[in-house]
Amino acid sequence: MSADTFDLSRLRRFPDIEAPNLVAVDASDRLILDEAADLIAASEPGTVVVINDHHGALTLGAVALHGARDVRVHQDMLTGERALENNAADAGLAGTYRHLSLVPELVDGARVVLVQLPRGLDALEEIAQLIAAHAHPDVRVIAGGRVKHMSRGMNDVLGRSFANVAATLGRQKSRALVASGPTPSPSGESTFPKRSVDDERGLWIVAHGAAFAGPQVDIGSRYLLTFLDRMSPSARDAIDLGCGTGVLAVELASARPELTVTAIDASDAAVRSAVETAEANHLAERVEVVRQDGLSERPPASADLIVCNPPFHVGATLAPDAALRMIRGAAKVLRDGGELWTVFNSRLAHAGALRRMVGPTEIMGDNDTFTVTRTVRPARKGAR
């Protein structure tokens, strides 16, 4: 594929999960690009921004179909970034964009911002506040999504940061919201990240908009934490896999001073939140936070303890493969005799996968909503 023959339908999700019910490009990508076509074509280099692009359709479509140059891009998920890189290389479009975190530099002076609507209103609010505070006063925001995942609350969120918000006509079960006239707060300060203290645990939690569960302990992690004192008592190092805001990692570090703790997540919002959660609890020197795609970059047999509250959705789609990838990675990274502690929705059949992929698995608790398991990594063949 080259820029001259660019075809959105040829984009792939890889290295993100690929399955028949998961697509790299959907109708909302095409709608956003069509609605923004004239704006992009008339834009100066460096004034087009793309936020929440799933696998590169918005970024590469803006470049190859409408002539955008020096596009600034923010993708929360690392797998999305890598899918964009792969698709750009295949299309001969590498170097036409640059990745940035959700920071003022991303939108400074922007005149056209394309957004795939996040599902969470907090995530959208953080994006809207950032654009309103730092983009050009004439900025136009085209934010689209699948109608079944949109709500009136999205209009209200955008309306708090922009004077004008209008919806496009629906097309192929997709719709876009067009916002203009930024109205930043008088102080120019964002309300993110949000902070709260969990009174039960005496724990400060810091959360950016797209971080799972926000500034609170989600009920699955809260249940897993009741088993904290039983987790691999002799462990030297631990990994909080899919760390979110870093609650499990911080609680491990606080309760177990002898542990070296690493928090891992593919989400930029999660990693930024976990860093700030560790700092808020005076544990920044004890908790290393890393943005990685699961355990793919960790060396084999390098951890004694892994704790995990795995996802069971990819976006809005039920996709157990996300959890299975984490389980498979744990089997590689655990040392012989190491423990994997997992909490998951009780209706999911993860216990069988844990036994097959990692080793002997015991159900430690089931409260009818969540199940907590302990899995021990058996000795590898040939090990002495």
Protein backbone atom coordinates (compact mmCIF):
# COMPACT_ATOMS: atom_id res chain seq x y z
CA MET A 1 0.00 0.00 0.00
CA SER A 2 1.23 3.53 -0.79
CA ALA A 3 -0.20 6.98 -0.15
CA ASP A 4 -1.41 7.09 -3.76
CA THR A 5 -3.49 3.95 -3.32
CA PHE A 6 -4.46 4.44 0.33
CA ASP A 7 -7.47 2.37 1.34
CA LEU A 8 -8.90 2.59 4.86
CA SER A 9 -10.33 -0.90 4.60
CA ARG A 10 -6.82 -2.38 4.46
CA LEU A 11 -5.80 -1.13 7.90
CA ARG A 12 -5.21 -3.73 10.60
CA ARG A 13 -5.56 -3.80 14.39
CA PHE A 14 -2.26 -5.68 14.93
CA PRO A 15 -0.65 -5.89 17.48
CA ASP A 16 -4.00 -5.29 19.18
CA ILE A 17 -6.37 -8.24 19.41
CA GLU A 18 -7.69 -9.32 16.02
CA ALA A 19 -10.94 -11.26 15.75
CA PRO A 20 -13.87 -11.50 13.31
CA ASN A 21 -16.03 -9.28 15.54
CA LEU A 22 -13.34 -6.60 15.97
CA VAL A 23 -12.54 -4.06 13.24
CA ALA A 24 -9.69 -1.63 12.63
CA VAL A 25 -11.92 0.96 10.91
CA ASP A 26 -15.61 1.59 11.49
CA ALA A 27 -18.29 3.88 10.10
CA SER A 28 -17.59 6.55 12.69
CA ASP A 29 -13.99 6.90 11.47
CA ARG A 30 -15.25 7.48 7.95
CA LEU A 31 -17.92 9.92 9.12
CA ILE A 32 -15.45 12.03 11.11
CA LEU A 33 -13.07 12.20 8.15
CA ASP A 34 -15.88 13.19 5.76
CA GLU A 35 -17.22 15.89 8.10
CA ALA A 36 -13.75 17.34 8.56
CA ALA A 37 -12.53 16.98 4.97
CA ASP A 38 -12.72 20.67 3.95
CA LEU A 39 -11.32 21.86 7.27
CA ILE A 40 -8.35 19.51 7.01
CA ALA A 41 -7.68 20.41 3.37
CA ALA A 42 -7.52 24.10 4.29
CA SER A 43 -5.35 23.61 7.38
CA GLU A 44 -1.77 24.75 7.83
CA PRO A 45 0.92 22.16 8.74
CA GLY A 46 0.86 21.27 12.42
CA THR A 47 -2.67 22.52 13.09
CA VAL A 48 -4.53 19.19 12.80
CA VAL A 49 -4.75 17.05 15.93
CA VAL A 50 -6.16 13.54 16.34
CA ILE A 51 -7.24 12.21 19.73
CA ASN A 52 -8.29 8.68 20.63
CA ASP A 53 -7.61 7.24 17.18
CA HIS A 54 -8.19 3.53 17.63
CA HIS A 55 -5.81 2.01 15.08
CA GLY A 56 -4.76 4.85 12.80
CA ALA A 57 -7.75 5.45 10.54
CA LEU A 58 -8.25 9.10 11.52
CA THR A 59 -4.57 10.00 11.43
CA LEU A 60 -3.72 8.27 8.17
CA GLY A 61 -7.01 9.25 6.58
CA ALA A 62 -6.37 12.91 7.40
CA VAL A 63 -2.90 12.67 5.86
CA ALA A 64 -3.51 10.48 2.81
CA LEU A 65 -7.06 11.51 1.88
CA HIS A 66 -7.14 15.20 2.84
CA GLY A 67 -3.51 16.39 2.86
CA ALA A 68 -2.90 17.03 6.56
CA ARG A 69 0.76 17.54 7.48
CA ASP A 70 2.64 17.20 10.75
CA VAL A 71 -0.38 15.76 12.57
CA ARG A 72 -0.20 15.60 16.36
CA VAL A 73 -1.73 12.41 17.74
CA HIS A 74 -2.75 11.14 21.15
CA GLN A 75 -3.76 7.50 21.59
CA ASP A 76 -4.34 6.31 25.11
CA MET A 77 -3.57 2.66 24.39
CA LEU A 78 -0.05 1.58 23.45
CA THR A 79 -1.50 -1.10 21.18
CA GLY A 80 -3.26 1.64 19.23
CA GLU A 81 0.01 3.55 18.84
CA ARG A 82 1.74 0.47 17.51
CA ALA A 83 -1.12 -0.35 15.16
CA LEU A 84 -0.86 3.18 13.76
CA GLU A 85 2.89 2.76 13.33
CA ASN A 86 2.43 -0.55 11.51
CA ASN A 87 -0.33 0.79 9.27
CA ALA A 88 1.67 3.94 8.50
CA ALA A 89 4.70 1.87 7.52
CA ASP A 90 2.57 -0.32 5.25
CA ALA A 91 1.05 2.77 3.62
CA GLY A 92 4.35 4.59 3.16
CA LEU A 93 3.19 7.30 5.58
CA ALA A 94 5.69 6.93 8.41
CA GLY A 95 6.87 10.28 9.74
CA THR A 96 3.69 12.17 8.82
CA TYR A 97 2.53 12.45 12.44
CA ARG A 98 3.95 12.56 15.97
CA HIS A 99 2.71 11.03 19.22
CA LEU A 100 2.11 13.12 22.33
CA SER A 101 0.55 12.51 25.71
CA LEU A 102 -2.65 14.31 26.71
CA VAL A 103 -0.79 17.53 27.57
CA PRO A 104 -1.08 21.17 26.42
CA GLU A 105 1.56 20.70 23.69
CA LEU A 106 -0.77 18.23 21.99
CA VAL A 107 -3.38 20.87 21.15
CA ASP A 108 -1.47 24.16 21.41
CA GLY A 109 -2.71 26.37 18.56
CA ALA A 110 -4.73 23.55 16.95
CA ARG A 111 -7.44 24.56 14.50
CA VAL A 112 -8.91 21.12 13.66
CA VAL A 113 -9.26 18.35 16.24
CA LEU A 114 -10.61 14.92 15.30
CA VAL A 115 -11.79 12.80 18.22
CA GLN A 116 -13.06 9.28 18.52
CA LEU A 117 -15.46 9.70 21.42
CA PRO A 118 -14.32 7.82 24.52
CA ARG A 119 -16.98 5.86 26.36
CA GLY A 120 -16.38 7.60 29.68
CA LEU A 121 -17.59 11.14 30.28
CA ASP A 122 -14.59 11.93 32.48
CA ALA A 123 -12.27 11.00 29.61
CA LEU A 124 -14.20 13.30 27.27
CA GLU A 125 -14.24 16.12 29.82
CA GLU A 126 -10.46 16.04 30.22
CA ILE A 127 -10.04 16.17 26.43
CA ALA A 128 -12.56 19.01 26.06
CA GLN A 129 -10.98 21.09 28.84
CA LEU A 130 -7.52 20.67 27.32
CA ILE A 131 -8.66 21.75 23.85
CA ALA A 132 -10.64 24.72 25.15
CA ALA A 133 -7.70 25.98 27.20
CA HIS A 134 -4.92 25.60 24.64
CA ALA A 135 -6.22 25.33 21.06
CA HIS A 136 -6.71 28.28 18.69
CA PRO A 137 -9.87 30.33 19.40
CA ASP A 138 -11.21 29.30 15.98
CA VAL A 139 -10.71 25.58 16.60
CA ARG A 140 -13.30 23.13 15.33
CA VAL A 141 -13.71 19.80 17.06
CA ILE A 142 -15.31 16.88 15.23
CA ALA A 143 -15.96 14.10 17.74
CA GLY A 144 -17.70 10.98 16.52
CA GLY A 145 -18.72 7.53 17.58
CA ARG A 146 -21.22 4.74 17.23
CA VAL A 147 -24.71 5.94 18.18
CA LYS A 148 -25.29 3.03 20.58
CA HIS A 149 -22.32 4.19 22.67
CA MET A 150 -23.19 7.90 22.64
CA SER A 151 -25.28 9.72 25.23
CA ARG A 152 -26.80 13.13 25.79
CA GLY A 153 -24.22 13.57 28.52
CA MET A 154 -21.54 13.91 25.83
CA ASN A 155 -23.26 17.00 24.43
CA ASP A 156 -23.43 18.42 27.94
CA VAL A 157 -19.73 17.75 28.58
CA LEU A 158 -18.70 19.48 25.36
CA GLY A 159 -21.12 22.29 26.13
CA ARG A 160 -19.23 23.09 29.31
CA SER A 161 -16.07 23.83 27.30
CA PHE A 162 -17.49 25.13 23.99
CA ALA A 163 -20.13 27.75 23.17
CA ASN A 164 -21.47 25.81 20.17
CA VAL A 165 -22.17 22.08 19.99
CA ALA A 166 -24.20 20.52 17.18
CA ALA A 167 -24.82 16.96 16.08
CA THR A 168 -24.47 15.79 12.49
CA LEU A 169 -27.00 13.60 10.78
CA GLY A 170 -26.58 9.93 11.59
CA ARG A 171 -24.95 7.64 9.06
CA GLN A 172 -24.47 3.88 9.26
CA LYS A 173 -25.34 3.96 12.98
CA SER A 174 -22.71 6.63 13.64
CA ARG A 175 -22.91 10.31 14.46
CA ALA A 176 -20.53 13.21 15.11
CA LEU A 177 -20.68 16.17 17.46
CA VAL A 178 -19.15 19.39 16.13
CA ALA A 179 -17.92 21.88 18.74
CA SER A 180 -16.57 25.41 18.34
CA GLY A 181 -16.12 28.58 20.36
CA PRO A 182 -13.89 27.34 23.20
CA THR A 183 -14.84 28.67 26.64
CA PRO A 184 -11.99 27.75 28.99
CA SER A 185 -12.39 28.20 32.72
CA PRO A 186 -11.33 31.67 33.95
CA SER A 187 -8.29 30.15 35.68
CA GLY A 188 -7.40 28.10 32.62
CA GLU A 189 -6.82 25.14 34.92
CA SER A 190 -8.12 21.66 34.29
CA THR A 191 -10.13 19.75 36.88
CA PHE A 192 -7.96 16.71 36.08
CA PRO A 193 -6.44 14.62 37.40
CA LYS A 194 -9.06 13.99 40.07
CA ARG A 195 -7.98 13.04 43.58
CA SER A 196 -9.74 11.35 46.46
CA VAL A 197 -8.86 9.42 49.59
CA ASP A 198 -10.28 5.97 50.26
CA ASP A 199 -11.23 6.14 53.93
CA GLU A 200 -11.31 2.36 54.36
CA ARG A 201 -7.68 1.96 53.34
CA GLY A 202 -6.29 5.43 53.98
CA LEU A 203 -5.16 5.51 50.37
CA TRP A 204 -4.93 8.53 48.08
CA ILE A 205 -6.03 7.77 44.51
CA VAL A 206 -5.24 10.05 41.56
CA ALA A 207 -7.01 9.49 38.24
CA HIS A 208 -6.89 11.05 34.79
CA GLY A 209 -10.12 10.94 32.84
CA ALA A 210 -9.58 7.70 30.91
CA ALA A 211 -8.24 5.70 33.88
CA PHE A 212 -10.38 2.71 34.84
CA ALA A 213 -12.66 3.28 37.87
CA GLY A 214 -11.55 6.89 38.36
CA PRO A 215 -10.33 8.06 41.79
CA GLN A 216 -11.74 5.14 43.74
CA VAL A 217 -10.97 1.49 44.46
CA ASP A 218 -13.02 -0.62 42.06
CA ILE A 219 -14.97 -3.45 43.70
CA GLY A 220 -12.90 -6.21 42.11
CA SER A 221 -9.60 -4.79 43.33
CA ARG A 222 -11.11 -4.13 46.75
CA TYR A 223 -12.02 -7.81 47.04
CA LEU A 224 -8.56 -8.92 45.85
CA LEU A 225 -6.93 -6.69 48.46
CA THR A 226 -8.61 -8.66 51.26
CA PHE A 227 -6.17 -11.47 50.40
CA LEU A 228 -3.09 -9.25 50.48
CA ASP A 229 -1.51 -10.88 53.54
CA ARG A 230 -1.72 -14.33 51.92
CA MET A 231 0.09 -13.45 48.69
CA SER A 232 3.48 -15.17 48.26
CA PRO A 233 5.00 -14.26 51.67
CA SER A 234 8.58 -14.86 50.50
CA ALA A 235 8.29 -12.84 47.27
CA ARG A 236 11.11 -10.44 46.41
CA ASP A 237 9.47 -8.70 43.48
CA ALA A 238 5.90 -8.18 42.35
CA ILE A 239 4.08 -6.90 39.28
CA ASP A 240 0.69 -5.21 39.20
CA LEU A 241 -0.39 -6.22 35.71
CA GLY A 242 -2.94 -3.86 34.16
CA CYS A 243 -2.38 -1.48 37.04
CA GLY A 244 -4.98 1.20 36.27
CA THR A 245 -4.54 3.96 38.84
CA GLY A 246 -1.96 1.86 40.69
CA VAL A 247 -4.06 0.90 43.69
CA LEU A 248 -2.81 -2.70 43.91
CA ALA A 249 0.83 -1.71 43.36
CA VAL A 250 0.71 1.01 46.02
CA GLU A 251 -1.02 -1.23 48.55
CA LEU A 252 1.55 -3.99 47.95
CA ALA A 253 4.43 -1.56 48.38
CA SER A 254 2.90 -0.10 51.52
CA ALA A 255 2.20 -3.44 53.18
CA ARG A 256 5.38 -5.22 52.05
CA PRO A 257 8.48 -2.97 52.42
CA GLU A 258 10.73 -5.81 51.24
CA LEU A 259 9.01 -6.00 47.83
CA THR A 260 10.22 -4.39 44.64
CA VAL A 261 6.96 -3.43 42.91
CA THR A 262 6.39 -2.70 39.21
CA ALA A 263 3.07 -1.38 37.88
CA ILE A 264 2.38 -2.08 34.20
CA ASP A 265 -0.37 -0.80 31.91
CA ALA A 266 -0.78 -0.09 28.19
CA SER A 267 -2.91 2.99 28.87
CA ASP A 268 -1.24 6.38 28.98
CA ALA A 269 -3.94 7.67 31.35
CA ALA A 270 -3.41 4.69 33.65
CA VAL A 271 0.36 5.12 33.74
CA ARG A 272 0.13 8.85 34.45
CA SER A 273 -2.46 8.15 37.15
CA ALA A 274 -0.41 5.38 38.77
CA VAL A 275 2.69 7.60 38.89
CA GLU A 276 0.71 10.31 40.66
CA THR A 277 -1.02 7.82 42.98
CA ALA A 278 2.37 6.51 44.08
CA GLU A 279 3.60 10.07 44.63
CA ALA A 280 0.48 11.02 46.60
CA ASN A 281 1.10 8.09 48.96
CA HIS A 282 4.85 8.85 49.31
CA LEU A 283 5.77 5.62 47.53
CA ALA A 284 7.23 6.96 44.28
CA GLU A 285 10.64 5.45 45.09
CA ARG A 286 9.11 2.05 45.80
CA VAL A 287 6.79 1.68 42.79
CA GLU A 288 8.13 1.71 39.24
CA VAL A 289 5.40 2.48 36.69
CA VAL A 290 5.90 1.29 33.11
CA ARG A 291 3.80 1.68 29.97
CA GLN A 292 3.98 -1.68 28.23
CA ASP A 293 1.71 -4.01 26.29
CA GLY A 294 1.14 -6.58 29.00
CA LEU A 295 4.21 -8.60 29.89
CA SER A 296 5.57 -8.88 26.35
CA GLU A 297 8.73 -6.92 27.21
CA ARG A 298 9.49 -8.52 30.58
CA PRO A 299 12.22 -11.18 30.78
CA PRO A 300 11.23 -14.79 31.46
CA ALA A 301 11.24 -16.06 35.06
CA SER A 302 11.72 -12.57 36.51
CA ALA A 303 8.90 -12.15 39.06
CA ASP A 304 7.81 -13.97 42.21
CA LEU A 305 4.34 -12.45 42.41
CA ILE A 306 1.89 -11.04 39.85
CA VAL A 307 -1.46 -9.53 40.79
CA CYS A 308 -4.02 -8.86 38.09
CA ASN A 309 -7.54 -7.53 37.72
CA PRO A 310 -7.85 -8.22 33.98
CA PRO A 311 -10.28 -6.51 31.60
CA PHE A 312 -13.01 -8.48 29.92
CA HIS A 313 -13.91 -5.91 27.26
CA VAL A 314 -11.99 -4.38 24.38
CA GLY A 315 -13.76 -1.06 24.05
CA ALA A 316 -17.43 -2.01 24.08
CA THR A 317 -16.90 -5.58 22.87
CA LEU A 318 -16.74 -8.61 25.14
CA ALA A 319 -13.29 -9.99 24.40
CA PRO A 320 -11.86 -12.53 26.85
CA ASP A 321 -8.70 -12.76 24.73
CA ALA A 322 -7.41 -9.62 26.49
CA ALA A 323 -7.34 -11.48 29.82
CA LEU A 324 -5.95 -14.63 28.20
CA ARG A 325 -2.98 -12.66 26.83
CA MET A 326 -2.23 -11.44 30.35
CA ILE A 327 -2.48 -14.96 31.75
CA ARG A 328 -0.20 -16.32 29.03
CA GLY A 329 2.32 -13.58 29.76
CA ALA A 330 2.27 -14.37 33.47
CA ALA A 331 3.17 -17.99 32.75
CA LYS A 332 6.34 -16.79 31.04
CA VAL A 333 7.36 -14.12 33.55
CA LEU A 334 6.73 -15.95 36.83
CA ARG A 335 9.63 -17.76 38.40
CA ASP A 336 9.17 -21.41 39.27
CA GLY A 337 6.95 -21.49 42.35
CA GLY A 338 5.82 -17.90 41.73
CA GLU A 339 2.21 -16.92 42.32
CA LEU A 340 -0.40 -15.25 40.13
CA TRP A 341 -3.32 -13.76 42.05
CA THR A 342 -6.26 -12.82 39.88
CA VAL A 343 -9.73 -11.37 40.42
CA PHE A 344 -12.37 -11.66 37.73
CA ASN A 345 -16.10 -11.62 37.16
CA SER A 346 -17.42 -14.92 38.49
CA ARG A 347 -19.31 -15.72 35.30
CA LEU A 348 -16.07 -15.86 33.31
CA ALA A 349 -14.26 -19.20 32.95
CA HIS A 350 -10.77 -17.92 33.69
CA ALA A 351 -9.96 -20.57 36.30
CA GLY A 352 -9.71 -23.23 33.60
CA ALA A 353 -7.44 -21.03 31.48
CA LEU A 354 -5.24 -20.35 34.50
CA ARG A 355 -4.79 -24.07 35.09
CA ARG A 356 -4.01 -24.77 31.43
CA MET A 357 -1.67 -21.84 30.83
CA VAL A 358 0.06 -21.30 34.16
CA GLY A 359 -0.38 -24.11 36.66
CA PRO A 360 -2.33 -25.44 39.65
CA THR A 361 -5.07 -22.99 40.53
CA GLU A 362 -7.07 -22.65 43.73
CA ILE A 363 -10.19 -20.56 44.15
CA MET A 364 -9.46 -18.49 47.23
CA GLY A 365 -12.77 -16.66 47.39
CA ASP A 366 -16.03 -16.09 45.55
CA ASN A 367 -18.51 -13.45 46.68
CA ASP A 368 -21.03 -14.29 43.92
CA THR A 369 -19.81 -11.33 41.87
CA PHE A 370 -16.05 -11.78 41.78
CA THR A 371 -13.75 -14.76 42.07
CA VAL A 372 -10.20 -14.57 43.44
CA THR A 373 -7.72 -17.26 42.40
CA ARG A 374 -4.18 -18.21 43.35
CA THR A 375 -2.13 -19.94 40.66
CA VAL A 376 1.34 -21.39 41.25
CA ARG A 377 3.85 -21.66 38.41
CA PRO A 378 5.26 -25.22 38.42
CA ALA A 379 8.94 -25.94 37.81
CA ARG A 380 9.90 -25.69 34.15
CA LYS A 381 11.00 -28.82 32.36
CA GLY A 382 14.71 -29.37 32.68
CA ALA A 383 14.98 -27.09 35.72
CA ARG A 384 17.03 -28.31 38.65
